[in-house]
Protein backbone atom coordinates (compact mmCIF):
# COMPACT_ATOMS: atom_id res chain seq x y z
CA MET A 1 -173.03 -133.18 55.29
CA ARG A 2 -172.62 -131.03 58.24
CA SER A 3 -175.54 -128.57 59.04
CA SER A 4 -175.58 -124.72 57.89
CA LEU A 5 -175.54 -123.71 61.77
CA PRO A 6 -172.72 -122.00 63.40
CA LEU A 7 -170.34 -124.34 64.78
CA ILE A 8 -168.40 -124.30 67.97
CA ALA A 9 -165.42 -126.62 68.55
CA VAL A 10 -164.48 -127.59 72.08
CA VAL A 11 -160.79 -128.42 72.62
CA GLY A 12 -158.28 -128.65 75.40
CA ARG A 13 -155.68 -131.12 76.54
CA PRO A 14 -156.69 -134.23 78.36
CA ASN A 15 -159.29 -134.18 81.54
CA VAL A 16 -160.03 -130.69 81.48
CA GLY A 17 -163.87 -131.46 81.22
CA LYS A 18 -164.59 -130.89 77.60
CA SER A 19 -166.84 -133.63 77.03
CA THR A 20 -168.90 -132.83 80.56
CA LEU A 21 -169.13 -128.94 79.31
CA PHE A 22 -170.20 -130.75 75.52
CA ASN A 23 -173.24 -132.97 77.43
CA ARG A 24 -173.86 -129.85 79.62
CA LEU A 25 -174.49 -127.68 76.61
CA ILE A 26 -176.17 -130.00 74.26
CA GLY A 27 -178.74 -131.44 77.40
CA GLN A 28 -177.82 -134.99 77.25
CA ARG A 29 -175.25 -137.42 77.26
CA ARG A 30 -173.35 -138.01 73.97
CA SER A 31 -169.78 -138.08 75.26
CA ILE A 32 -168.39 -140.59 77.78
CA VAL A 33 -166.99 -138.78 80.88
CA THR A 34 -164.68 -140.31 82.93
CA ASP A 35 -161.09 -139.80 84.89
CA GLU A 36 -159.22 -141.34 82.19
CA PRO A 37 -157.14 -138.78 80.19
CA GLY A 38 -157.98 -138.87 76.26
CA ILE A 39 -161.15 -141.07 76.29
CA THR A 40 -162.79 -138.92 73.82
CA ARG A 41 -160.95 -139.80 70.44
CA ASP A 42 -163.30 -139.47 67.63
CA ARG A 43 -165.33 -136.08 67.33
CA ILE A 44 -168.81 -135.95 68.74
CA TYR A 45 -171.30 -133.26 67.08
CA GLY A 46 -174.57 -132.27 68.98
CA THR A 47 -176.81 -129.42 68.74
CA MET A 48 -177.83 -126.60 71.23
CA THR A 49 -180.43 -123.74 71.45
CA TRP A 50 -179.85 -120.40 73.38
CA ARG A 51 -181.97 -117.75 73.44
CA GLY A 52 -183.88 -118.86 70.30
CA SER A 53 -180.44 -119.18 68.11
CA ALA A 54 -179.42 -122.65 67.60
CA TYR A 55 -175.78 -123.84 67.56
CA GLU A 56 -173.90 -127.10 66.83
CA ILE A 57 -171.20 -128.66 68.91
CA VAL A 58 -168.23 -130.44 68.00
CA ASP A 59 -166.28 -132.31 71.38
CA THR A 60 -162.71 -133.26 70.26
CA GLY A 61 -160.53 -135.50 71.77
CA GLY A 62 -157.85 -134.08 74.06
CA MET A 63 -154.67 -132.26 72.46
CA VAL A 64 -151.00 -132.55 73.62
CA PRO A 65 -149.02 -130.68 71.13
CA GLY A 66 -146.00 -132.56 70.28
CA GLU A 67 -147.39 -136.03 71.42
CA GLU A 68 -145.77 -138.72 69.12
CA THR A 69 -147.59 -141.72 69.84
CA GLU A 70 -149.99 -142.72 67.29
CA ILE A 71 -153.53 -142.19 69.25
CA PRO A 72 -152.64 -138.67 70.29
CA ARG A 73 -151.46 -137.61 67.14
CA GLY A 74 -154.82 -138.88 65.51
CA ILE A 75 -156.52 -137.10 68.11
CA LEU A 76 -154.51 -133.84 67.42
CA GLU A 77 -155.37 -134.14 63.68
CA GLN A 78 -159.19 -134.90 64.35
CA ALA A 79 -159.15 -131.64 66.79
CA GLN A 80 -157.30 -129.46 64.03
CA VAL A 81 -160.31 -130.43 61.26
CA ALA A 82 -162.96 -129.48 63.99
CA ILE A 83 -160.96 -125.95 64.67
CA ASP A 84 -160.64 -125.47 60.77
CA SER A 85 -164.57 -126.00 60.38
CA ALA A 86 -165.61 -123.63 63.23
CA SER A 87 -167.10 -120.41 63.49
CA LEU A 88 -165.29 -120.10 67.25
CA VAL A 89 -163.63 -122.03 69.50
CA PHE A 90 -164.36 -123.22 73.38
CA PHE A 91 -160.90 -123.51 74.64
CA VAL A 92 -161.42 -125.67 78.08
CA VAL A 93 -158.43 -125.52 80.71
CA ASP A 94 -158.60 -127.04 84.26
CA GLY A 95 -158.99 -124.11 86.95
CA ARG A 96 -158.30 -126.64 89.51
CA ALA A 97 -154.81 -127.14 88.20
CA ALA A 98 -151.98 -124.93 87.72
CA LEU A 99 -151.27 -123.37 84.05
CA THR A 100 -149.52 -126.15 82.25
CA ALA A 101 -147.04 -126.05 79.34
CA PRO A 102 -149.55 -127.81 76.86
CA ASP A 103 -152.24 -125.02 77.67
CA GLN A 104 -149.84 -122.50 76.80
CA GLU A 105 -148.92 -124.31 73.44
CA LEU A 106 -152.40 -124.93 72.45
CA ALA A 107 -153.16 -121.20 73.09
CA ARG A 108 -150.17 -120.14 70.91
CA LEU A 109 -151.49 -122.68 68.20
CA LEU A 110 -154.94 -121.27 68.41
CA ARG A 111 -154.06 -117.75 68.38
CA ARG A 112 -152.61 -118.35 65.33
CA THR A 113 -155.96 -119.50 63.61
CA GLY A 114 -157.44 -115.96 63.58
CA LYS A 115 -160.39 -117.87 65.19
CA THR A 116 -162.54 -116.35 67.97
CA ILE A 117 -161.56 -117.94 70.95
CA TYR A 118 -163.47 -118.59 74.16
CA LEU A 119 -161.15 -119.47 77.32
CA VAL A 120 -163.23 -121.37 79.45
CA VAL A 121 -161.74 -122.09 82.75
CA ASN A 122 -163.66 -124.83 84.18
CA LYS A 123 -164.30 -126.88 87.57
CA ILE A 124 -164.84 -123.69 89.36
CA ASP A 125 -167.33 -124.40 91.69
CA SER A 126 -166.68 -121.69 94.32
CA GLU A 127 -166.12 -118.14 95.04
CA LYS A 128 -162.44 -118.89 96.25
CA GLN A 129 -161.90 -120.96 93.11
CA ALA A 130 -162.75 -118.15 91.13
CA ALA A 131 -159.68 -115.92 92.44
CA ASP A 132 -157.27 -118.11 91.06
CA VAL A 133 -158.61 -117.48 87.40
CA PRO A 134 -157.06 -114.24 86.66
CA GLU A 135 -153.63 -116.36 86.15
CA PHE A 136 -155.19 -117.97 83.13
CA TYR A 137 -155.00 -114.31 81.26
CA ARG A 138 -151.57 -115.12 80.86
CA LEU A 139 -152.47 -117.56 78.23
CA GLY A 140 -153.32 -114.11 76.06
CA ILE A 141 -156.67 -114.98 75.25
CA ASP A 142 -159.22 -112.08 75.61
CA ARG A 143 -162.48 -113.76 76.49
CA VAL A 144 -162.18 -115.98 79.94
CA PHE A 145 -165.16 -117.43 81.40
CA PRO A 146 -164.88 -119.27 84.76
CA VAL A 147 -167.44 -122.14 84.68
CA SER A 148 -168.69 -125.41 86.46
CA SER A 149 -169.73 -127.75 83.57
CA GLU A 150 -170.47 -130.26 86.22
CA HIS A 151 -172.83 -127.98 88.15
CA GLY A 152 -173.73 -125.48 85.46
CA ARG A 153 -172.16 -122.39 87.18
CA GLY A 154 -171.09 -119.73 84.93
CA ILE A 155 -172.80 -121.65 82.09
CA THR A 156 -175.44 -118.57 81.68
CA GLU A 157 -173.04 -116.16 80.97
CA LEU A 158 -170.89 -117.95 78.69
CA LEU A 159 -173.74 -118.50 76.56
CA ASP A 160 -175.48 -114.97 76.82
CA ASP A 161 -171.85 -113.65 75.47
CA LEU A 162 -171.96 -116.12 72.69
CA ALA A 163 -175.53 -115.12 71.82
CA ILE A 164 -174.68 -111.64 71.67
CA SER A 165 -171.38 -112.19 70.06
CA MET A 166 -171.91 -114.84 67.17
CA PRO A 167 -173.72 -112.65 64.65
CA ALA A 168 -170.85 -110.35 64.56
CA ILE A 169 -168.14 -112.79 64.59
CA GLU A 170 -169.87 -114.34 61.41
CA GLU A 171 -170.36 -110.94 60.14
CA ASN A 172 -167.16 -109.51 60.86
CA ALA A 173 -165.22 -112.24 59.39
CA GLU A 174 -166.65 -111.02 56.14
CA ASN A 175 -166.51 -107.45 56.43
CA ALA A 176 -163.41 -106.95 58.19
CA ALA A 177 -161.45 -107.88 54.88
CA GLY A 178 -163.94 -106.71 52.48
CA GLU A 179 -165.28 -103.35 50.82
CA ILE A 180 -166.14 -100.52 52.99
CA LYS A 181 -169.63 -99.52 52.46
CA VAL A 182 -169.79 -95.90 52.70
CA SER A 183 -173.30 -93.46 52.81
CA ILE A 184 -172.92 -89.96 51.98
CA ILE A 185 -176.08 -88.38 53.56
CA GLY A 186 -177.18 -84.68 53.96
CA ARG A 187 -180.27 -82.75 53.74
CA PRO A 188 -181.08 -81.60 50.06
CA ASN A 189 -178.73 -79.49 47.81
CA VAL A 190 -175.66 -79.51 50.30
CA GLY A 191 -173.38 -81.30 47.89
CA LYS A 192 -173.54 -84.90 48.18
CA SER A 193 -173.89 -85.75 44.34
CA THR A 194 -170.84 -83.00 43.72
CA LEU A 195 -168.80 -85.04 46.47
CA LEU A 196 -169.72 -88.46 44.97
CA ASN A 197 -168.62 -87.27 41.28
CA LYS A 198 -165.45 -85.46 42.51
CA LEU A 199 -164.38 -88.74 44.94
CA VAL A 200 -165.30 -90.98 42.05
CA GLY A 201 -163.65 -88.85 39.26
CA GLN A 202 -166.66 -89.15 36.92
CA GLU A 203 -170.19 -88.09 36.46
CA ARG A 204 -172.24 -90.97 38.36
CA ALA A 205 -175.30 -88.79 39.65
CA MET A 206 -177.09 -85.84 38.13
CA VAL A 207 -176.26 -82.76 39.48
CA SER A 208 -178.25 -79.57 39.47
CA ALA A 209 -179.07 -76.48 41.98
CA ILE A 210 -182.94 -77.79 42.55
CA PRO A 211 -182.85 -79.46 45.97
CA GLY A 212 -183.53 -82.97 45.99
CA THR A 213 -182.65 -83.10 42.20
CA THR A 214 -180.94 -86.98 43.27
CA ARG A 215 -183.84 -88.91 43.48
CA ASP A 216 -182.53 -92.46 43.40
CA ALA A 217 -179.49 -93.80 45.57
CA VAL A 218 -176.47 -94.61 43.00
CA ASP A 219 -173.68 -97.07 44.02
CA SER A 220 -170.19 -96.46 43.05
CA LEU A 221 -167.02 -98.77 43.65
CA VAL A 222 -163.86 -97.31 43.92
CA ARG A 223 -160.27 -98.71 44.34
CA HIS A 224 -157.89 -96.55 46.12
CA ASP A 225 -154.73 -97.04 47.55
CA GLY A 226 -155.65 -100.80 47.74
CA LEU A 227 -159.05 -100.35 49.58
CA THR A 228 -162.35 -101.31 48.14
CA ILE A 229 -165.03 -98.58 48.86
CA ARG A 230 -168.43 -98.68 47.81
CA PHE A 231 -170.37 -95.46 48.05
CA VAL A 232 -173.93 -95.13 48.37
CA ASP A 233 -174.98 -91.31 47.26
CA THR A 234 -178.60 -90.99 48.96
CA ALA A 235 -181.08 -88.55 47.93
CA GLY A 236 -181.69 -85.71 50.41
CA ILE A 237 -183.40 -86.35 53.31
CA ARG A 238 -186.27 -83.83 54.17
CA ARG A 239 -188.20 -83.64 57.67
CA LYS A 240 -191.14 -86.10 57.35
CA GLY A 241 -193.84 -83.50 57.82
CA LYS A 242 -192.57 -81.13 54.98
CA THR A 243 -192.02 -83.81 52.34
CA GLU A 244 -194.52 -82.85 49.52
CA LEU A 245 -193.26 -85.01 46.71
CA LYS A 246 -193.80 -88.78 46.88
CA ALA A 247 -190.02 -89.36 44.88
CA GLU A 248 -188.70 -87.06 48.24
CA LYS A 249 -190.82 -89.21 50.70
CA LEU A 250 -189.15 -92.37 49.18
CA SER A 251 -185.73 -90.85 49.36
CA VAL A 252 -185.77 -90.29 53.00
CA VAL A 253 -186.91 -93.99 53.37
CA MET A 254 -184.20 -95.16 51.14
CA ALA A 255 -181.47 -92.83 52.90
CA ARG A 256 -182.01 -94.48 56.06
CA ARG A 257 -182.16 -97.88 54.51
CA HIS A 258 -178.54 -97.41 52.68
CA LEU A 259 -177.51 -96.38 56.18
CA GLU A 260 -178.47 -99.52 57.34
CA ARG A 261 -176.05 -101.31 55.08
CA SER A 262 -172.86 -99.09 55.28
CA ASP A 263 -170.18 -98.95 57.73
CA VAL A 264 -169.35 -94.97 57.48
CA ALA A 265 -171.62 -92.27 56.71
CA ILE A 266 -170.19 -89.11 55.48
CA LEU A 267 -172.49 -86.27 57.06
CA ILE A 268 -172.39 -83.18 54.72
CA ILE A 269 -173.18 -79.81 56.20
CA ASP A 270 -173.68 -76.89 54.12
CA GLY A 271 -170.50 -74.34 55.02
CA THR A 272 -172.52 -71.32 54.10
CA GLU A 273 -175.52 -72.10 55.91
CA GLY A 274 -174.26 -73.37 59.14
CA VAL A 275 -175.69 -76.68 61.32
CA THR A 276 -179.57 -76.48 61.24
CA ALA A 277 -181.97 -78.64 62.91
CA LEU A 278 -182.35 -81.01 59.80
CA ASP A 279 -178.83 -81.66 60.04
CA ALA A 280 -178.61 -82.85 63.55
CA HIS A 281 -181.92 -84.76 62.67
CA ILE A 282 -179.63 -86.66 59.84
CA GLY A 283 -176.85 -87.19 62.02
CA GLY A 284 -179.10 -88.89 64.49
CA TYR A 285 -180.29 -91.24 61.99
CA ALA A 286 -176.40 -92.25 61.27
CA HIS A 287 -176.14 -92.48 65.32
CA GLU A 288 -179.25 -94.63 65.95
CA ALA A 289 -177.59 -96.78 63.10
CA GLY A 290 -174.48 -97.51 64.97
CA ARG A 291 -172.58 -95.99 61.94
CA SER A 292 -169.24 -94.62 61.84
CA VAL A 293 -169.24 -90.65 60.91
CA ILE A 294 -167.30 -88.42 59.30
CA ILE A 295 -168.66 -84.77 59.37
CA ALA A 296 -167.80 -83.04 56.15
CA VAL A 297 -168.26 -79.05 56.06
CA ASN A 298 -168.88 -78.37 52.29
CA LYS A 299 -168.56 -75.47 50.26
CA TRP A 300 -165.84 -73.88 52.39
CA ASP A 301 -164.64 -72.06 49.31
CA LEU A 302 -167.40 -69.69 49.40
CA VAL A 303 -166.97 -68.79 53.33
CA GLU A 304 -165.45 -65.58 54.19
CA LYS A 305 -162.63 -66.51 55.97
CA ASN A 306 -160.94 -64.93 59.32
CA TYR A 307 -158.29 -66.02 61.87
CA ARG A 308 -161.04 -67.86 63.74
CA ILE A 309 -163.84 -68.95 61.91
CA THR A 310 -162.52 -72.73 61.44
CA ALA A 311 -162.72 -73.03 65.31
CA ASP A 312 -165.96 -71.08 65.65
CA PHE A 313 -167.63 -73.68 63.04
CA GLU A 314 -166.06 -76.29 64.66
CA ARG A 315 -167.52 -75.72 68.06
CA ASP A 316 -170.85 -74.62 66.82
CA ILE A 317 -170.88 -78.40 65.12
CA ARG A 318 -169.72 -79.86 68.84
CA GLU A 319 -172.38 -77.84 70.37
CA LYS A 320 -175.42 -79.21 68.27
CA LEU A 321 -173.88 -82.02 67.36
CA LYS A 322 -172.79 -83.65 70.83
CA PHE A 323 -173.60 -87.18 70.14
CA LEU A 324 -171.73 -86.87 67.13
CA SER A 325 -168.63 -86.10 69.33
CA PHE A 326 -166.36 -88.82 68.25
CA ALA A 327 -166.60 -87.97 64.33
CA PRO A 328 -163.74 -85.97 62.69
CA ILE A 329 -164.60 -82.89 60.88
CA ALA A 330 -163.40 -82.15 57.66
CA PHE A 331 -163.64 -78.78 55.91
CA ILE A 332 -164.07 -79.25 52.31
CA SER A 333 -165.34 -78.27 48.86
CA ALA A 334 -166.74 -80.77 46.76
CA LYS A 335 -166.58 -78.24 43.67
CA THR A 336 -163.20 -77.34 43.74
CA GLY A 337 -162.06 -80.41 45.36
CA GLN A 338 -160.30 -78.68 48.10
CA ARG A 339 -159.22 -81.93 50.88
CA VAL A 340 -161.41 -84.19 49.28
CA GLN A 341 -159.14 -86.85 48.50
CA LYS A 342 -157.86 -86.64 52.21
CA LEU A 343 -161.41 -88.05 53.00
CA TYR A 344 -160.07 -91.67 51.67
CA GLY A 345 -157.68 -91.55 54.46
CA THR A 346 -160.33 -90.57 57.21
CA ILE A 347 -162.34 -93.03 55.87
CA GLU A 348 -160.01 -95.73 56.22
CA GLU A 349 -159.38 -94.95 60.04
CA VAL A 350 -162.76 -94.61 61.13
CA HIS A 351 -163.52 -98.04 59.59
CA LYS A 352 -160.43 -99.80 61.17
CA ALA A 353 -161.52 -98.18 64.56
CA ARG A 354 -164.59 -100.04 64.13
CA PHE A 355 -162.60 -103.29 64.41
CA VAL A 356 -160.77 -102.53 67.28
CA ARG A 357 -160.41 -105.01 69.92
CA VAL A 358 -158.97 -104.40 73.20
CA PRO A 359 -157.57 -107.07 75.31
CA THR A 360 -159.56 -107.78 78.73
CA ARG A 361 -156.47 -107.46 80.77
CA GLU A 362 -155.88 -104.06 79.38
CA LEU A 363 -159.53 -102.98 79.61
CA ASN A 364 -159.58 -103.76 83.75
CA GLU A 365 -156.36 -102.19 84.24
CA PHE A 366 -157.93 -99.26 82.58
CA LEU A 367 -160.60 -99.80 84.85
CA ARG A 368 -158.73 -100.13 88.00
CA GLN A 369 -156.54 -96.70 87.08
CA GLU A 370 -158.95 -94.49 85.59
CA VAL A 371 -162.71 -95.22 86.58
CA LEU A 372 -162.78 -96.96 90.14
CA LEU A 373 -160.34 -94.52 91.44
CA ARG A 374 -162.51 -91.75 90.40
CA GLY A 375 -165.31 -92.90 92.39
CA GLY A 376 -168.99 -91.50 91.36
CA LEU A 377 -170.72 -95.02 91.56
CA PRO A 378 -173.64 -95.79 94.08
CA SER A 379 -172.59 -97.20 97.14
CA ASP A 380 -174.00 -100.36 96.67
CA VAL A 381 -172.70 -100.85 93.35
CA LYS A 382 -169.44 -102.91 92.58
CA ILE A 383 -167.93 -103.06 89.02
CA ARG A 384 -166.18 -106.13 89.04
CA TYR A 385 -164.87 -106.27 85.47
CA ILE A 386 -165.34 -104.59 82.14
CA ALA A 387 -164.90 -107.02 78.97
CA GLN A 388 -165.30 -106.12 75.20
CA VAL A 389 -167.78 -108.32 73.75
CA LYS A 390 -168.07 -107.60 70.14
CA VAL A 391 -166.66 -105.24 67.51
CA ASN A 392 -168.52 -103.45 64.29
CA PRO A 393 -169.42 -101.40 66.27
CA PRO A 394 -167.02 -101.98 69.53
CA THR A 395 -169.44 -102.98 72.17
CA PHE A 396 -168.30 -103.25 76.11
CA VAL A 397 -169.57 -104.90 79.27
CA MET A 398 -169.16 -103.63 82.54
CA PHE A 399 -170.24 -106.93 84.91
CA SER A 400 -171.08 -105.58 88.49
CA ASN A 401 -172.96 -107.15 91.36
CA LYS A 402 -176.10 -105.48 90.51
CA ILE A 403 -177.87 -103.59 88.02
CA ARG A 404 -178.45 -100.05 88.73
CA LYS A 405 -178.90 -97.14 86.27
CA LEU A 406 -175.60 -95.25 86.54
CA HIS A 407 -175.78 -91.28 86.36
CA PHE A 408 -175.19 -90.00 82.91
CA SER A 409 -172.46 -88.52 83.50
CA PHE A 410 -170.53 -91.28 85.04
CA GLU A 411 -171.39 -93.17 81.47
CA ARG A 412 -169.85 -90.27 79.63
CA PHE A 413 -166.76 -90.41 81.79
CA ILE A 414 -166.22 -93.65 81.19
CA GLU A 415 -167.00 -93.56 77.61
CA ASN A 416 -164.50 -90.51 77.14
CA ARG A 417 -161.76 -92.22 79.08
CA ILE A 418 -162.21 -95.27 76.69
CA ARG A 419 -161.83 -92.70 73.73
CA ASP A 420 -158.48 -91.26 75.27
CA ARG A 421 -156.84 -94.45 75.77
CA PHE A 422 -157.66 -96.68 72.88
CA PRO A 423 -158.13 -95.73 68.78
CA PHE A 424 -162.16 -95.44 68.36
CA THR A 425 -161.73 -92.39 65.92
CA GLY A 426 -165.12 -91.54 64.23
CA THR A 427 -166.67 -94.94 65.43
CA PRO A 428 -169.56 -95.35 68.01
CA ILE A 429 -168.94 -97.41 71.20
CA ILE A 430 -171.37 -99.06 72.99
CA ILE A 431 -171.45 -99.51 76.77
CA LYS A 432 -173.77 -102.18 78.67
CA GLN A 433 -173.84 -103.11 82.65
CA ARG A 434 -174.77 -106.72 83.40
CA ALA A 435 -175.20 -108.13 86.98
CA LYS A 436 -172.47 -110.69 87.59
CA LYS A 437 -173.98 -113.82 88.99
CA SER A 438 -172.32 -115.90 91.73
CA HIS A 439 -174.35 -119.24 89.94
CA ALA A 440 -176.11 -120.02 87.09
CA ASN A 441 -177.58 -123.06 85.23
CA THR A 442 -178.58 -123.57 81.87
């Protein structure tokens, strides 16, 4: 019986160094390592610990698609079993050799599995050899790591990325295809319960004109155009220092807790009062939690209209909620139902954006065309490449020759250009910087 640890399958054609990588990862010699292709025939399991997390690793035999002899066919079947059971796959290729037809065929087979694939370009022992790594992007796999399994070069970077990505990989496999969890948040008496009732189509939460009437959070599960959406209607959030009733204090705690288990937050603002400091505070909770955000300006039916009122109100929101510049704005009336049903389409759009993954090749073309040519970096800092390391929310790492705090205007420029180029409507994106070391050992 296999353990409950995340399982990583090490696969590739014969003699690319899979067993050397396996032995390096588990820290002991479990697989026989020779220059004879296909020496590893059975699946061999081991465990590894990195940055406080444990993983199970399985070493497989050399895979040769289309090979008709009995042993390679059996090896292929054994490897397929390992891949089917794995949380992700380390696809190992020989960085000293030219890209081969079996490599390309294996890449096609692996991409069809829908698993997260790490392309491990092995036998890269020097910067000179690393110059040939871009050729392997032709395999169509985004996560590319040049390593030397024999000497430990690049292993730290590979495992650090694994440590960052694995929780999201396991969570997202479930979340991307599951229900969309939506929190309806806002200060008391802005119409959260009224909006929920209009969306759900029934009186699920008590509604009254007394601020803070809704004390508990009420979950409502809705099926809409093939989507399953779980709405969490939270009690109104008040400033900590001004919350007098124990029930109100609890509502603040519960609201933040529900944000943590939500994918999307609908932040309701009272259109008759404008954006308040408390609105900004509450929006800050959603931003800190990394939630996708839709800003719903409610009670729009009560606002006296003129030809520029909508534009003026939107400008005020963008000025006072600058940290939510990515959030779409909807002008609604929860009471009359005006534009309420359109929120479903917006929910779907911003939720999809949380799971967008940009190919590494496209990101680096973008980096060269729109970022590096602009300038603005410190003279001693060179950004080598950029990669998306996770989704939900989308997270990017810029690998540079050294860590140097970049000017906020440059970071904002990069984020804005990413948003202009790629579909991240309504979702926060995280950009990190990491030093690209020339040599690393486990």
